[in-house]
mmCIF file of all heavy atoms, coordinates in Angstrom:
data_MODEL
# 
_entry.id   MODEL 
# 
loop_
_atom_site.group_PDB 
_atom_site.id 
_atom_site.type_symbol 
_atom_site.label_atom_id 
_atom_site.label_alt_id 
_atom_site.label_comp_id 
_atom_site.label_asym_id 
_atom_site.label_entity_id 
_atom_site.label_seq_id 
_atom_site.pdbx_PDB_ins_code 
_atom_site.Cartn_x 
_atom_site.Cartn_y 
_atom_site.Cartn_z 
_atom_site.occupancy 
_atom_site.B_iso_or_equiv 
_atom_site.pdbx_formal_charge 
_atom_site.auth_seq_id 
_atom_site.auth_comp_id 
_atom_site.auth_asym_id 
_atom_site.auth_atom_id 
_atom_site.pdbx_PDB_model_num 
ATOM 1   N N   . GLU A 1 1  ? -20.313 -120.201 46.477 1.00 0.00 ? 1  GLU A N   1 
ATOM 2   C CA  . GLU A 1 1  ? -21.231 -119.267 47.128 1.00 0.00 ? 1  GLU A CA  1 
ATOM 3   C C   . GLU A 1 1  ? -20.673 -118.803 48.474 1.00 0.00 ? 1  GLU A C   1 
ATOM 4   O O   . GLU A 1 1  ? -20.767 -117.623 48.824 1.00 0.00 ? 1  GLU A O   1 
ATOM 5   C CB  . GLU A 1 1  ? -22.598 -119.928 47.319 1.00 0.00 ? 1  GLU A CB  1 
ATOM 6   C CG  . GLU A 1 1  ? -23.668 -119.017 47.869 1.00 0.00 ? 1  GLU A CG  1 
ATOM 7   C CD  . GLU A 1 1  ? -23.977 -117.816 46.996 1.00 0.00 ? 1  GLU A CD  1 
ATOM 8   O OE1 . GLU A 1 1  ? -23.641 -117.844 45.783 1.00 0.00 ? 1  GLU A OE1 1 
ATOM 9   O OE2 . GLU A 1 1  ? -24.570 -116.846 47.517 1.00 0.00 ? 1  GLU A OE2 1 
ATOM 10  N N   . VAL A 1 2  ? -20.077 -119.720 49.228 1.00 0.00 ? 2  VAL A N   1 
ATOM 11  C CA  . VAL A 1 2  ? -19.464 -119.344 50.502 1.00 0.00 ? 2  VAL A CA  1 
ATOM 12  C C   . VAL A 1 2  ? -18.311 -118.377 50.271 1.00 0.00 ? 2  VAL A C   1 
ATOM 13  O O   . VAL A 1 2  ? -18.154 -117.386 51.001 1.00 0.00 ? 2  VAL A O   1 
ATOM 14  C CB  . VAL A 1 2  ? -18.996 -120.602 51.268 1.00 0.00 ? 2  VAL A CB  1 
ATOM 15  C CG1 . VAL A 1 2  ? -18.069 -120.228 52.426 1.00 0.00 ? 2  VAL A CG1 1 
ATOM 16  C CG2 . VAL A 1 2  ? -20.202 -121.374 51.794 1.00 0.00 ? 2  VAL A CG2 1 
ATOM 17  N N   . GLU A 1 3  ? -17.505 -118.632 49.246 1.00 0.00 ? 3  GLU A N   1 
ATOM 18  C CA  . GLU A 1 3  ? -16.407 -117.711 48.936 1.00 0.00 ? 3  GLU A CA  1 
ATOM 19  C C   . GLU A 1 3  ? -16.939 -116.325 48.574 1.00 0.00 ? 3  GLU A C   1 
ATOM 20  O O   . GLU A 1 3  ? -16.352 -115.303 48.957 1.00 0.00 ? 3  GLU A O   1 
ATOM 21  C CB  . GLU A 1 3  ? -15.554 -118.266 47.794 1.00 0.00 ? 3  GLU A CB  1 
ATOM 22  C CG  . GLU A 1 3  ? -14.664 -119.419 48.202 1.00 0.00 ? 3  GLU A CG  1 
ATOM 23  C CD  . GLU A 1 3  ? -13.686 -119.807 47.108 1.00 0.00 ? 3  GLU A CD  1 
ATOM 24  O OE1 . GLU A 1 3  ? -13.413 -118.968 46.218 1.00 0.00 ? 3  GLU A OE1 1 
ATOM 25  O OE2 . GLU A 1 3  ? -13.191 -120.956 47.137 1.00 0.00 ? 3  GLU A OE2 1 
ATOM 26  N N   . ARG A 1 4  ? -18.041 -116.289 47.837 1.00 0.00 ? 4  ARG A N   1 
ATOM 27  C CA  . ARG A 1 4  ? -18.643 -114.993 47.489 1.00 0.00 ? 4  ARG A CA  1 
ATOM 28  C C   . ARG A 1 4  ? -19.038 -114.238 48.752 1.00 0.00 ? 4  ARG A C   1 
ATOM 29  O O   . ARG A 1 4  ? -18.773 -113.026 48.887 1.00 0.00 ? 4  ARG A O   1 
ATOM 30  C CB  . ARG A 1 4  ? -19.874 -115.205 46.609 1.00 0.00 ? 4  ARG A CB  1 
ATOM 31  C CG  . ARG A 1 4  ? -20.586 -113.900 46.240 1.00 0.00 ? 4  ARG A CG  1 
ATOM 32  C CD  . ARG A 1 4  ? -21.972 -114.135 45.663 1.00 0.00 ? 4  ARG A CD  1 
ATOM 33  N NE  . ARG A 1 4  ? -22.920 -114.655 46.636 1.00 0.00 ? 4  ARG A NE  1 
ATOM 34  C CZ  . ARG A 1 4  ? -23.530 -113.908 47.570 1.00 0.00 ? 4  ARG A CZ  1 
ATOM 35  N NH1 . ARG A 1 4  ? -23.272 -112.615 47.666 1.00 0.00 ? 4  ARG A NH1 1 
ATOM 36  N NH2 . ARG A 1 4  ? -24.396 -114.459 48.408 1.00 0.00 ? 4  ARG A NH2 1 
ATOM 37  N N   . ILE A 1 5  ? -19.661 -114.935 49.674 1.00 0.00 ? 5  ILE A N   1 
ATOM 38  C CA  . ILE A 1 5  ? -20.107 -114.305 50.912 1.00 0.00 ? 5  ILE A CA  1 
ATOM 39  C C   . ILE A 1 5  ? -18.918 -113.806 51.721 1.00 0.00 ? 5  ILE A C   1 
ATOM 40  O O   . ILE A 1 5  ? -18.932 -112.684 52.248 1.00 0.00 ? 5  ILE A O   1 
ATOM 41  C CB  . ILE A 1 5  ? -20.964 -115.292 51.733 1.00 0.00 ? 5  ILE A CB  1 
ATOM 42  C CG1 . ILE A 1 5  ? -22.251 -115.615 50.985 1.00 0.00 ? 5  ILE A CG1 1 
ATOM 43  C CG2 . ILE A 1 5  ? -21.270 -114.718 53.122 1.00 0.00 ? 5  ILE A CG2 1 
ATOM 44  C CD1 . ILE A 1 5  ? -22.988 -116.823 51.530 1.00 0.00 ? 5  ILE A CD1 1 
ATOM 45  N N   . ILE A 1 6  ? -17.878 -114.613 51.813 1.00 0.00 ? 6  ILE A N   1 
ATOM 46  C CA  . ILE A 1 6  ? -16.672 -114.191 52.536 1.00 0.00 ? 6  ILE A CA  1 
ATOM 47  C C   . ILE A 1 6  ? -16.102 -112.922 51.909 1.00 0.00 ? 6  ILE A C   1 
ATOM 48  O O   . ILE A 1 6  ? -15.691 -111.993 52.612 1.00 0.00 ? 6  ILE A O   1 
ATOM 49  C CB  . ILE A 1 6  ? -15.622 -115.319 52.539 1.00 0.00 ? 6  ILE A CB  1 
ATOM 50  C CG1 . ILE A 1 6  ? -16.121 -116.504 53.362 1.00 0.00 ? 6  ILE A CG1 1 
ATOM 51  C CG2 . ILE A 1 6  ? -14.283 -114.814 53.094 1.00 0.00 ? 6  ILE A CG2 1 
ATOM 52  C CD1 . ILE A 1 6  ? -15.260 -117.747 53.224 1.00 0.00 ? 6  ILE A CD1 1 
ATOM 53  N N   . GLY A 1 7  ? -16.082 -112.893 50.578 1.00 0.00 ? 7  GLY A N   1 
ATOM 54  C CA  . GLY A 1 7  ? -15.583 -111.709 49.888 1.00 0.00 ? 7  GLY A CA  1 
ATOM 55  C C   . GLY A 1 7  ? -16.397 -110.472 50.210 1.00 0.00 ? 7  GLY A C   1 
ATOM 56  O O   . GLY A 1 7  ? -15.843 -109.374 50.403 1.00 0.00 ? 7  GLY A O   1 
ATOM 57  N N   . GLU A 1 8  ? -17.723 -110.612 50.303 1.00 0.00 ? 8  GLU A N   1 
ATOM 58  C CA  . GLU A 1 8  ? -18.570 -109.468 50.620 1.00 0.00 ? 8  GLU A CA  1 
ATOM 59  C C   . GLU A 1 8  ? -18.381 -109.015 52.065 1.00 0.00 ? 8  GLU A C   1 
ATOM 60  O O   . GLU A 1 8  ? -18.399 -107.815 52.357 1.00 0.00 ? 8  GLU A O   1 
ATOM 61  C CB  . GLU A 1 8  ? -20.035 -109.814 50.348 1.00 0.00 ? 8  GLU A CB  1 
ATOM 62  C CG  . GLU A 1 8  ? -20.352 -109.953 48.867 1.00 0.00 ? 8  GLU A CG  1 
ATOM 63  C CD  . GLU A 1 8  ? -21.849 -109.953 48.593 1.00 0.00 ? 8  GLU A CD  1 
ATOM 64  O OE1 . GLU A 1 8  ? -22.620 -109.637 49.525 1.00 0.00 ? 8  GLU A OE1 1 
ATOM 65  O OE2 . GLU A 1 8  ? -22.229 -110.272 47.456 1.00 0.00 ? 8  GLU A OE2 1 
ATOM 66  N N   . ILE A 1 9  ? -18.208 -109.968 52.966 1.00 0.00 ? 9  ILE A N   1 
ATOM 67  C CA  . ILE A 1 9  ? -17.952 -109.601 54.363 1.00 0.00 ? 9  ILE A CA  1 
ATOM 68  C C   . ILE A 1 9  ? -16.635 -108.826 54.463 1.00 0.00 ? 9  ILE A C   1 
ATOM 69  O O   . ILE A 1 9  ? -16.546 -107.810 55.155 1.00 0.00 ? 9  ILE A O   1 
ATOM 70  C CB  . ILE A 1 9  ? -17.921 -110.858 55.254 1.00 0.00 ? 9  ILE A CB  1 
ATOM 71  C CG1 . ILE A 1 9  ? -19.305 -111.520 55.295 1.00 0.00 ? 9  ILE A CG1 1 
ATOM 72  C CG2 . ILE A 1 9  ? -17.473 -110.507 56.675 1.00 0.00 ? 9  ILE A CG2 1 
ATOM 73  C CD1 . ILE A 1 9  ? -19.340 -112.855 56.002 1.00 0.00 ? 9  ILE A CD1 1 
ATOM 74  N N   . ALA A 1 10 ? -15.620 -109.314 53.753 1.00 0.00 ? 10 ALA A N   1 
ATOM 75  C CA  . ALA A 1 10 ? -14.326 -108.617 53.762 1.00 0.00 ? 10 ALA A CA  1 
ATOM 76  C C   . ALA A 1 10 ? -14.444 -107.238 53.128 1.00 0.00 ? 10 ALA A C   1 
ATOM 77  O O   . ALA A 1 10 ? -13.858 -106.265 53.616 1.00 0.00 ? 10 ALA A O   1 
ATOM 78  C CB  . ALA A 1 10 ? -13.275 -109.455 53.025 1.00 0.00 ? 10 ALA A CB  1 
ATOM 79  N N   . ALA A 1 11 ? -15.208 -107.142 52.041 1.00 0.00 ? 11 ALA A N   1 
ATOM 80  C CA  . ALA A 1 11 ? -15.381 -105.851 51.365 1.00 0.00 ? 11 ALA A CA  1 
ATOM 81  C C   . ALA A 1 11 ? -16.059 -104.829 52.276 1.00 0.00 ? 11 ALA A C   1 
ATOM 82  O O   . ALA A 1 11 ? -15.858 -103.627 52.122 1.00 0.00 ? 11 ALA A O   1 
ATOM 83  C CB  . ALA A 1 11 ? -16.195 -106.033 50.086 1.00 0.00 ? 11 ALA A CB  1 
ATOM 84  N N   . GLY A 1 12 ? -16.837 -105.312 53.234 1.00 0.00 ? 12 GLY A N   1 
ATOM 85  C CA  . GLY A 1 12 ? -17.483 -104.438 54.182 1.00 0.00 ? 12 GLY A CA  1 
ATOM 86  C C   . GLY A 1 12 ? -16.567 -103.954 55.292 1.00 0.00 ? 12 GLY A C   1 
ATOM 87  O O   . GLY A 1 12 ? -16.998 -103.170 56.146 1.00 0.00 ? 12 GLY A O   1 
ATOM 88  N N   . GLY A 1 13 ? -15.322 -104.426 55.283 1.00 0.00 ? 13 GLY A N   1 
ATOM 89  C CA  . GLY A 1 13 ? -14.343 -103.932 56.249 1.00 0.00 ? 13 GLY A CA  1 
ATOM 90  C C   . GLY A 1 13 ? -13.897 -104.928 57.293 1.00 0.00 ? 13 GLY A C   1 
ATOM 91  O O   . GLY A 1 13 ? -12.996 -104.628 58.092 1.00 0.00 ? 13 GLY A O   1 
ATOM 92  N N   . ALA A 1 14 ? -14.494 -106.121 57.323 1.00 0.00 ? 14 ALA A N   1 
ATOM 93  C CA  . ALA A 1 14 ? -14.089 -107.109 58.317 1.00 0.00 ? 14 ALA A CA  1 
ATOM 94  C C   . ALA A 1 14 ? -12.757 -107.738 57.941 1.00 0.00 ? 14 ALA A C   1 
ATOM 95  O O   . ALA A 1 14 ? -12.477 -108.000 56.763 1.00 0.00 ? 14 ALA A O   1 
ATOM 96  C CB  . ALA A 1 14 ? -15.152 -108.194 58.445 1.00 0.00 ? 14 ALA A CB  1 
ATOM 97  N N   . ARG A 1 15 ? -11.930 -107.981 58.923 1.00 0.00 ? 15 ARG A N   1 
ATOM 98  C CA  . ARG A 1 15 ? -10.697 -108.733 58.726 1.00 0.00 ? 15 ARG A CA  1 
ATOM 99  C C   . ARG A 1 15 ? -11.054 -110.219 58.743 1.00 0.00 ? 15 ARG A C   1 
ATOM 100 O O   . ARG A 1 15 ? -11.872 -110.651 59.554 1.00 0.00 ? 15 ARG A O   1 
ATOM 101 C CB  . ARG A 1 15 ? -9.686  -108.403 59.822 1.00 0.00 ? 15 ARG A CB  1 
ATOM 102 C CG  . ARG A 1 15 ? -9.299  -106.919 59.870 1.00 0.00 ? 15 ARG A CG  1 
ATOM 103 C CD  . ARG A 1 15 ? -8.754  -106.560 61.241 1.00 0.00 ? 15 ARG A CD  1 
ATOM 104 N NE  . ARG A 1 15 ? -8.345  -105.177 61.328 1.00 0.00 ? 15 ARG A NE  1 
ATOM 105 C CZ  . ARG A 1 15 ? -9.140  -104.154 61.628 1.00 0.00 ? 15 ARG A CZ  1 
ATOM 106 N NH1 . ARG A 1 15 ? -10.435 -104.380 61.844 1.00 0.00 ? 15 ARG A NH1 1 
ATOM 107 N NH2 . ARG A 1 15 ? -8.674  -102.930 61.708 1.00 0.00 ? 15 ARG A NH2 1 
ATOM 108 N N   . ILE A 1 16 ? -10.422 -110.987 57.871 1.00 0.00 ? 16 ILE A N   1 
ATOM 109 C CA  . ILE A 1 16 ? -10.705 -112.413 57.743 1.00 0.00 ? 16 ILE A CA  1 
ATOM 110 C C   . ILE A 1 16 ? -9.453  -113.210 58.095 1.00 0.00 ? 16 ILE A C   1 
ATOM 111 O O   . ILE A 1 16 ? -8.369  -112.928 57.581 1.00 0.00 ? 16 ILE A O   1 
ATOM 112 C CB  . ILE A 1 16 ? -11.141 -112.782 56.311 1.00 0.00 ? 16 ILE A CB  1 
ATOM 113 C CG1 . ILE A 1 16 ? -12.344 -111.938 55.857 1.00 0.00 ? 16 ILE A CG1 1 
ATOM 114 C CG2 . ILE A 1 16 ? -11.416 -114.280 56.191 1.00 0.00 ? 16 ILE A CG2 1 
ATOM 115 C CD1 . ILE A 1 16 ? -13.628 -112.227 56.571 1.00 0.00 ? 16 ILE A CD1 1 
ATOM 116 N N   . VAL A 1 17 ? -9.608  -114.192 58.974 1.00 0.00 ? 17 VAL A N   1 
ATOM 117 C CA  . VAL A 1 17 ? -8.540  -115.165 59.232 1.00 0.00 ? 17 VAL A CA  1 
ATOM 118 C C   . VAL A 1 17 ? -9.161  -116.538 59.067 1.00 0.00 ? 17 VAL A C   1 
ATOM 119 O O   . VAL A 1 17 ? -10.120 -116.879 59.766 1.00 0.00 ? 17 VAL A O   1 
ATOM 120 C CB  . VAL A 1 17 ? -7.937  -115.030 60.642 1.00 0.00 ? 17 VAL A CB  1 
ATOM 121 C CG1 . VAL A 1 17 ? -6.789  -116.028 60.819 1.00 0.00 ? 17 VAL A CG1 1 
ATOM 122 C CG2 . VAL A 1 17 ? -7.452  -113.603 60.888 1.00 0.00 ? 17 VAL A CG2 1 
ATOM 123 N N   . MET A 1 18 ? -8.641  -117.338 58.132 1.00 0.00 ? 18 MET A N   1 
ATOM 124 C CA  . MET A 1 18 ? -9.268  -118.617 57.844 1.00 0.00 ? 18 MET A CA  1 
ATOM 125 C C   . MET A 1 18 ? -8.257  -119.733 57.666 1.00 0.00 ? 18 MET A C   1 
ATOM 126 O O   . MET A 1 18 ? -7.147  -119.523 57.176 1.00 0.00 ? 18 MET A O   1 
ATOM 127 C CB  . MET A 1 18 ? -10.124 -118.511 56.580 1.00 0.00 ? 18 MET A CB  1 
ATOM 128 C CG  . MET A 1 18 ? -9.337  -118.235 55.300 1.00 0.00 ? 18 MET A CG  1 
ATOM 129 S SD  . MET A 1 18 ? -10.406 -118.048 53.842 1.00 0.00 ? 18 MET A SD  1 
ATOM 130 C CE  . MET A 1 18 ? -11.058 -119.715 53.666 1.00 0.00 ? 18 MET A CE  1 
ATOM 131 N N   . THR A 1 19 ? -8.642  -120.918 58.107 1.00 0.00 ? 19 THR A N   1 
ATOM 132 C CA  . THR A 1 19 ? -7.897  -122.115 57.764 1.00 0.00 ? 19 THR A CA  1 
ATOM 133 C C   . THR A 1 19 ? -8.560  -122.728 56.537 1.00 0.00 ? 19 THR A C   1 
ATOM 134 O O   . THR A 1 19 ? -9.778  -122.637 56.364 1.00 0.00 ? 19 THR A O   1 
ATOM 135 C CB  . THR A 1 19 ? -7.905  -123.151 58.901 1.00 0.00 ? 19 THR A CB  1 
ATOM 136 O OG1 . THR A 1 19 ? -9.241  -123.653 59.075 1.00 0.00 ? 19 THR A OG1 1 
ATOM 137 C CG2 . THR A 1 19 ? -7.418  -122.537 60.208 1.00 0.00 ? 19 THR A CG2 1 
ATOM 138 N N   . THR A 1 20 ? -7.761  -123.320 55.691 1.00 0.00 ? 20 THR A N   1 
ATOM 139 C CA  . THR A 1 20 ? -8.304  -124.008 54.524 1.00 0.00 ? 20 THR A CA  1 
ATOM 140 C C   . THR A 1 20 ? -7.298  -125.037 54.041 1.00 0.00 ? 20 THR A C   1 
ATOM 141 O O   . THR A 1 20 ? -6.088  -124.854 54.174 1.00 0.00 ? 20 THR A O   1 
ATOM 142 C CB  . THR A 1 20 ? -8.652  -123.024 53.389 1.00 0.00 ? 20 THR A CB  1 
ATOM 143 O OG1 . THR A 1 20 ? -9.159  -123.770 52.266 1.00 0.00 ? 20 THR A OG1 1 
ATOM 144 C CG2 . THR A 1 20 ? -7.449  -122.217 52.937 1.00 0.00 ? 20 THR A CG2 1 
ATOM 145 N N   . HIS A 1 21 ? -7.818  -126.131 53.504 1.00 0.00 ? 21 HIS A N   1 
ATOM 146 C CA  . HIS A 1 21 ? -6.949  -127.129 52.875 1.00 0.00 ? 21 HIS A CA  1 
ATOM 147 C C   . HIS A 1 21 ? -6.900  -126.920 51.369 1.00 0.00 ? 21 HIS A C   1 
ATOM 148 O O   . HIS A 1 21 ? -6.175  -127.616 50.657 1.00 0.00 ? 21 HIS A O   1 
ATOM 149 C CB  . HIS A 1 21 ? -7.480  -128.543 53.163 1.00 0.00 ? 21 HIS A CB  1 
ATOM 150 C CG  . HIS A 1 21 ? -8.772  -128.843 52.455 1.00 0.00 ? 21 HIS A CG  1 
ATOM 151 N ND1 . HIS A 1 21 ? -9.977  -128.313 52.869 1.00 0.00 ? 21 HIS A ND1 1 
ATOM 152 C CD2 . HIS A 1 21 ? -9.046  -129.586 51.364 1.00 0.00 ? 21 HIS A CD2 1 
ATOM 153 C CE1 . HIS A 1 21 ? -10.941 -128.731 52.049 1.00 0.00 ? 21 HIS A CE1 1 
ATOM 154 N NE2 . HIS A 1 21 ? -10.402 -129.506 51.134 1.00 0.00 ? 21 HIS A NE2 1 
ATOM 155 N N   . ASN A 1 22 ? -7.671  -125.947 50.885 1.00 0.00 ? 22 ASN A N   1 
ATOM 156 C CA  . ASN A 1 22 ? -7.810  -125.681 49.455 1.00 0.00 ? 22 ASN A CA  1 
ATOM 157 C C   . ASN A 1 22 ? -6.851  -124.557 49.055 1.00 0.00 ? 22 ASN A C   1 
ATOM 158 O O   . ASN A 1 22 ? -7.096  -123.394 49.348 1.00 0.00 ? 22 ASN A O   1 
ATOM 159 C CB  . ASN A 1 22 ? -9.264  -125.293 49.168 1.00 0.00 ? 22 ASN A CB  1 
ATOM 160 C CG  . ASN A 1 22 ? -9.559  -125.128 47.704 1.00 0.00 ? 22 ASN A CG  1 
ATOM 161 O OD1 . ASN A 1 22 ? -8.720  -124.643 46.943 1.00 0.00 ? 22 ASN A OD1 1 
ATOM 162 N ND2 . ASN A 1 22 ? -10.756 -125.515 47.297 1.00 0.00 ? 22 ASN A ND2 1 
ATOM 163 N N   . LEU A 1 23 ? -5.769  -124.908 48.365 1.00 0.00 ? 23 LEU A N   1 
ATOM 164 C CA  . LEU A 1 23 ? -4.770  -123.901 48.004 1.00 0.00 ? 23 LEU A CA  1 
ATOM 165 C C   . LEU A 1 23 ? -5.341  -122.863 47.033 1.00 0.00 ? 23 LEU A C   1 
ATOM 166 O O   . LEU A 1 23 ? -5.003  -121.678 47.114 1.00 0.00 ? 23 LEU A O   1 
ATOM 167 C CB  . LEU A 1 23 ? -3.541  -124.577 47.390 1.00 0.00 ? 23 LEU A CB  1 
ATOM 168 C CG  . LEU A 1 23 ? -2.759  -125.528 48.284 1.00 0.00 ? 23 LEU A CG  1 
ATOM 169 C CD1 . LEU A 1 23 ? -1.452  -125.931 47.609 1.00 0.00 ? 23 LEU A CD1 1 
ATOM 170 C CD2 . LEU A 1 23 ? -2.487  -124.921 49.647 1.00 0.00 ? 23 LEU A CD2 1 
ATOM 171 N N   . GLY A 1 24 ? -6.200  -123.308 46.121 1.00 0.00 ? 24 GLY A N   1 
ATOM 172 C CA  . GLY A 1 24 ? -6.825  -122.362 45.197 1.00 0.00 ? 24 GLY A CA  1 
ATOM 173 C C   . GLY A 1 24 ? -7.665  -121.345 45.941 1.00 0.00 ? 24 GLY A C   1 
ATOM 174 O O   . GLY A 1 24 ? -7.660  -120.154 45.614 1.00 0.00 ? 24 GLY A O   1 
# 
């Protein structure tokens, strides 16, 4: 669900910079 939300925020034009330990 969090990934879905991030995708929608990005689709709205926001640039995303994230740290993650999850390679997938």
